[in-house]
């Protein structure tokens, strides 16, 4: 048997046999012996990689940085829902929102800073008796002294108990033909001082007399508007008090 093999053995037979083994076993040899160190730098390019072969699990964490992403390459469809949160947005990259500094078309500088409140009050005072008053958050009070609506008239008096000087503007409109010419006066009222406005007697009972106090102490502003009416109870003043705190 061995002699028969030797008689038929030739160079061509040996070479063909080696070729068969190389084809069948060469790939396995290469896979087991060629590593990353055997591949020349930059030899494997994007065109050599089959589409869809590289998934997110193949990427090292934080390996893809902003500098490696082309401008406009990532669109809205490429982002998962709620993927971009406020913490991930650089505020310096955002422009100004149109009309962000406006309210109903007015610039923010058109509004006074500070918090405050608007509330109403009512002062009732009988003729000839002691005055009635309402306390003010700004520091002090507004008193109503109803003397006699047919003669001497009625007086509103602001008393400054804030401990600081107050700038006070007083205004009044009176008569049966409102709005009448507005009378405005200014005074600097020291602590414990007063500022007053009087409505003349003959027009008190018409209910068409209005007074206004604008009081500024430090960074606080209080505007008081009172409408005076005379009736069975005497003088009644419905007041609207607007307070701004700086």
Protein backbone atom coordinates (compact mmCIF):
# COMPACT_ATOMS: atom_id res chain seq x y z
CA UNK A 1 0.00 0.00 0.00
CA UNK A 2 2.77 2.40 0.97
CA UNK A 3 4.73 1.44 -2.13
CA UNK A 4 1.73 2.23 -4.32
CA UNK A 5 1.40 5.71 -2.75
CA UNK A 6 5.10 6.38 -3.26
CA UNK A 7 4.95 5.32 -6.91
CA UNK A 8 2.02 7.79 -7.55
CA UNK A 9 3.45 10.63 -5.45
CA UNK A 10 4.57 13.58 -7.51
CA UNK A 11 5.45 17.26 -6.99
CA UNK A 12 2.11 18.32 -8.43
CA UNK A 13 0.18 16.08 -6.05
CA UNK A 14 2.04 17.42 -3.01
CA UNK A 15 1.53 21.05 -3.99
CA UNK A 16 -2.17 20.63 -4.72
CA UNK A 17 -2.68 18.97 -1.34
CA UNK A 18 -0.92 21.82 0.45
CA UNK A 19 -3.06 24.30 -1.44
CA UNK A 20 -6.26 22.58 -0.29
CA UNK A 21 -5.14 22.73 3.35
CA UNK A 22 -4.18 26.40 2.96
CA UNK A 23 -7.61 27.27 1.61
CA UNK A 24 -9.52 25.32 4.25
CA UNK A 25 -7.38 26.18 7.25
CA UNK A 26 -5.78 29.50 6.34
CA UNK A 27 -8.68 31.68 7.47
CA UNK A 28 -8.76 30.04 10.84
CA UNK A 29 -5.02 30.53 11.12
CA UNK A 30 -5.31 34.22 10.26
CA UNK A 31 -8.16 34.76 12.70
CA UNK A 32 -6.19 33.20 15.47
CA UNK A 33 -2.86 34.90 14.82
CA UNK A 34 -3.66 38.46 13.43
CA UNK A 35 -4.40 41.02 16.16
CA UNK A 36 -4.87 44.77 16.40
CA UNK A 37 -1.08 45.27 16.50
CA UNK A 38 -0.74 43.58 13.09
CA UNK A 39 -3.07 46.14 11.40
CA UNK A 40 -1.39 49.23 10.04
CA UNK A 41 -2.62 52.56 11.47
CA UNK A 42 -5.50 54.06 9.44
CA UNK A 43 -5.65 50.86 7.33
CA UNK A 44 -9.29 50.16 8.27
CA UNK A 45 -11.51 52.99 7.06
CA UNK A 46 -15.22 53.70 7.11
CA UNK A 47 -15.70 52.24 3.62
CA UNK A 48 -14.32 48.89 4.86
CA UNK A 49 -17.00 48.63 7.59
CA UNK A 50 -20.35 47.17 6.66
CA UNK A 51 -23.29 49.49 7.28
CA UNK A 52 -25.00 48.88 10.62
CA UNK A 53 -22.15 46.81 12.07
CA UNK A 54 -21.11 49.37 14.71
CA UNK A 55 -23.75 49.96 17.39
CA UNK A 56 -23.74 52.16 20.50
CA UNK A 57 -22.51 49.23 22.60
CA UNK A 58 -19.29 49.15 20.56
CA UNK A 59 -18.43 52.76 21.44
CA UNK A 60 -16.37 53.64 24.46
CA UNK A 61 -18.16 55.90 26.95
CA UNK A 62 -17.61 59.61 26.19
CA UNK A 63 -15.60 58.70 23.07
CA UNK A 64 -17.90 60.76 20.79
CA UNK A 65 -17.45 64.43 21.73
CA UNK A 66 -18.98 67.57 20.25
CA UNK A 67 -15.85 68.27 18.19
CA UNK A 68 -16.37 64.95 16.35
CA UNK A 69 -19.95 65.72 15.29
CA UNK A 70 -20.42 67.74 12.12
CA UNK A 71 -22.60 70.83 12.35
CA UNK A 72 -26.20 69.91 11.55
CA UNK A 73 -25.47 66.16 11.59
CA UNK A 74 -27.79 65.50 14.55
CA UNK A 75 -31.38 66.53 13.82
CA UNK A 76 -34.55 66.37 15.88
CA UNK A 77 -35.38 62.89 14.57
CA UNK A 78 -32.04 61.55 15.84
CA UNK A 79 -32.80 62.54 19.45
CA UNK A 80 -34.75 60.43 21.88
CA UNK A 81 -37.75 62.01 23.56
CA UNK A 82 -36.72 64.25 26.48
CA UNK A 83 -33.03 63.59 25.73
CA UNK A 84 -32.06 67.26 25.85
CA UNK A 85 -32.75 68.73 29.30
CA UNK A 86 -31.99 72.17 30.71
CA UNK A 87 -28.82 70.92 32.40
CA UNK A 88 -27.42 69.88 28.99
CA UNK A 89 -27.96 73.27 27.34
CA UNK A 90 -25.26 75.94 27.43
CA UNK A 91 -27.16 79.17 28.11
CA UNK A 92 -24.44 81.18 26.38
CA UNK A 93 -25.43 79.54 23.09
CA UNK A 94 -29.03 80.76 23.30
CA UNK A 95 -30.17 84.03 21.78
CA UNK A 96 -32.63 86.47 23.30
CA UNK A 97 -36.25 85.37 23.11
CA UNK A 98 -38.21 87.95 21.06
CA UNK A 99 -40.20 90.33 23.27
CA UNK A 100 -38.99 88.55 26.42
CA UNK A 101 -38.60 91.90 28.14
CA UNK A 102 -42.07 93.12 27.24
CA UNK A 103 -45.55 92.78 28.69
CA UNK A 104 -48.43 93.69 26.41
CA UNK A 105 -45.95 95.54 24.21
CA UNK A 106 -44.45 97.59 27.06
CA UNK A 107 -40.75 97.38 27.86
CA UNK A 108 -39.80 96.03 31.29
CA UNK A 109 -38.26 99.42 32.13
CA UNK A 110 -41.75 100.91 31.95
CA UNK A 111 -42.73 99.08 35.14
CA UNK A 112 -41.77 99.92 38.71
CA UNK A 113 -39.83 97.24 40.58
CA UNK A 114 -41.08 95.85 43.85
CA UNK A 115 -43.98 93.99 45.38
CA UNK A 116 -47.14 95.44 46.81
CA UNK A 117 -50.89 95.21 47.04
CA UNK A 118 -54.06 97.08 46.19
CA UNK A 119 -56.91 97.12 48.68
CA UNK A 120 -59.98 99.18 49.50
CA UNK A 121 -61.16 100.85 52.67
CA UNK A 122 -64.01 102.96 54.02
CA UNK A 123 -63.90 105.89 56.43
CA UNK A 124 -67.11 107.24 58.02
CA UNK A 125 -67.23 110.38 60.15
CA UNK A 126 -70.18 112.34 61.57
CA UNK A 127 -70.17 116.14 61.39
CA UNK A 128 -68.69 117.95 64.39
CA UNK A 129 -67.34 114.83 66.13
CA UNK A 130 -63.80 113.49 66.36
CA UNK A 131 -62.18 112.48 63.10
CA UNK A 132 -62.16 108.87 61.88
CA UNK A 133 -59.00 107.34 60.40
CA UNK A 134 -57.54 104.32 58.66
CA UNK A 135 -54.02 102.97 59.24
CA UNK A 136 -51.48 102.79 56.39
CA UNK A 137 -48.80 100.15 55.97
CA UNK A 138 -46.32 102.79 54.84
CA UNK A 139 -46.36 104.26 58.37
CA UNK A 140 -49.03 106.66 59.50
CA UNK A 141 -52.74 107.16 58.97
CA UNK A 142 -55.32 108.96 56.84
CA UNK A 143 -58.00 110.79 58.85
CA UNK A 144 -61.37 112.15 57.71
CA UNK A 145 -62.83 115.14 59.58
CA UNK A 146 -66.38 115.94 58.49
CA UNK A 147 -67.13 119.42 59.85
CA UNK A 148 -70.25 120.62 58.04
CA UNK A 149 -70.96 119.85 54.41
CA UNK A 150 -73.01 123.01 53.99
CA UNK A 151 -70.33 125.41 55.19
CA UNK A 152 -66.81 124.67 56.36
CA UNK A 153 -66.42 121.45 54.40
CA UNK A 154 -64.43 118.30 55.05
CA UNK A 155 -60.69 117.67 55.47
CA UNK A 156 -58.49 114.62 54.76
CA UNK A 157 -55.23 114.56 56.75
CA UNK A 158 -52.20 112.27 56.37
CA UNK A 159 -50.10 111.90 59.52
CA UNK A 160 -46.56 110.60 59.05
CA UNK A 161 -45.60 108.14 61.79
CA UNK A 162 -42.96 106.28 59.77
CA UNK A 163 -39.94 107.74 61.57
CA UNK A 164 -38.59 109.19 58.30
CA UNK A 165 -39.38 112.15 56.08
CA UNK A 166 -42.13 111.65 53.49
CA UNK A 167 -42.63 113.25 50.09
CA UNK A 168 -46.35 113.90 49.73
CA UNK A 169 -48.31 115.05 46.70
CA UNK A 170 -51.97 115.99 47.23
CA UNK A 171 -54.59 116.38 44.49
CA UNK A 172 -58.28 117.23 44.51
CA UNK A 173 -61.15 117.52 42.08
CA UNK A 174 -64.48 118.85 43.29
CA UNK A 175 -67.77 120.08 41.93
CA UNK A 176 -70.71 118.87 39.91
CA UNK A 177 -68.82 118.94 36.63
CA UNK A 178 -66.04 116.43 37.13
CA UNK A 179 -63.42 116.31 35.92
CA UNK A 180 -62.75 119.84 37.09
CA UNK A 181 -59.32 121.50 36.94
CA UNK A 182 -56.95 119.44 39.07
CA UNK A 183 -55.28 121.12 42.05
CA UNK A 184 -51.90 119.61 42.93
CA UNK A 185 -49.66 120.50 45.90
CA UNK A 186 -46.35 119.06 47.18
CA UNK A 187 -44.89 119.05 50.66
CA UNK A 188 -42.02 117.38 52.50
CA UNK A 189 -43.55 115.97 55.66
CA UNK A 190 -41.22 115.16 58.59
CA UNK A 191 -41.91 112.32 60.97
CA UNK A 192 -44.98 113.20 63.10
CA UNK A 193 -45.88 115.91 60.54
CA UNK A 194 -49.08 116.15 58.50
CA UNK A 195 -50.36 117.00 55.00
CA UNK A 196 -54.01 117.73 54.30
CA UNK A 197 -56.59 118.37 51.57
CA UNK A 198 -59.92 120.14 52.16
CA UNK A 199 -63.11 119.83 50.13
CA UNK A 200 -65.27 122.96 50.34
CA UNK A 201 -68.68 122.62 51.95
CA UNK A 202 -71.24 123.27 49.22
CA UNK A 203 -70.13 120.36 47.02
CA UNK A 204 -69.57 117.64 49.62
CA UNK A 205 -73.10 116.25 49.38
CA UNK A 206 -72.95 115.84 45.59
CA UNK A 207 -70.70 112.78 45.77
CA UNK A 208 -68.50 114.26 43.05
CA UNK A 209 -65.45 115.17 45.09
CA UNK A 210 -62.23 113.16 44.81
CA UNK A 211 -58.91 113.54 46.64
CA UNK A 212 -55.64 111.71 46.07
CA UNK A 213 -52.50 111.35 48.20
CA UNK A 214 -49.22 110.08 46.75
CA UNK A 215 -46.82 109.29 49.59
CA UNK A 216 -43.18 108.28 49.09
CA UNK A 217 -41.06 107.10 52.02
CA UNK A 218 -37.72 105.53 51.14
CA UNK A 219 -38.34 102.97 48.39
CA UNK A 220 -42.06 102.62 49.17
CA UNK A 221 -44.90 104.38 47.39
CA UNK A 222 -48.52 104.54 48.53
CA UNK A 223 -51.31 106.10 46.46
CA UNK A 224 -54.64 106.76 48.20
CA UNK A 225 -57.71 107.84 46.23
CA UNK A 226 -60.87 108.75 48.14
CA UNK A 227 -64.34 109.59 46.83
CA UNK A 228 -66.35 111.65 49.28
CA UNK A 229 -70.15 111.35 49.76
CA UNK A 230 -72.40 112.92 52.42
CA UNK A 231 -75.42 111.04 53.70
CA UNK A 232 -77.36 110.06 56.80
CA UNK A 233 -74.25 108.75 58.51
CA UNK A 234 -72.32 111.91 57.80
CA UNK A 235 -69.27 111.97 55.53
CA UNK A 236 -68.35 108.69 53.92
CA UNK A 237 -65.13 108.16 51.97
CA UNK A 238 -64.59 105.06 49.88
CA UNK A 239 -60.82 104.65 49.47
CA UNK A 240 -58.57 102.72 47.11
CA UNK A 241 -55.06 102.18 48.48
CA UNK A 242 -52.24 101.05 46.17
CA UNK A 243 -48.93 100.13 47.78
CA UNK A 244 -45.60 99.45 46.09
CA UNK A 245 -42.64 98.18 48.07
CA UNK A 246 -39.18 98.74 46.64
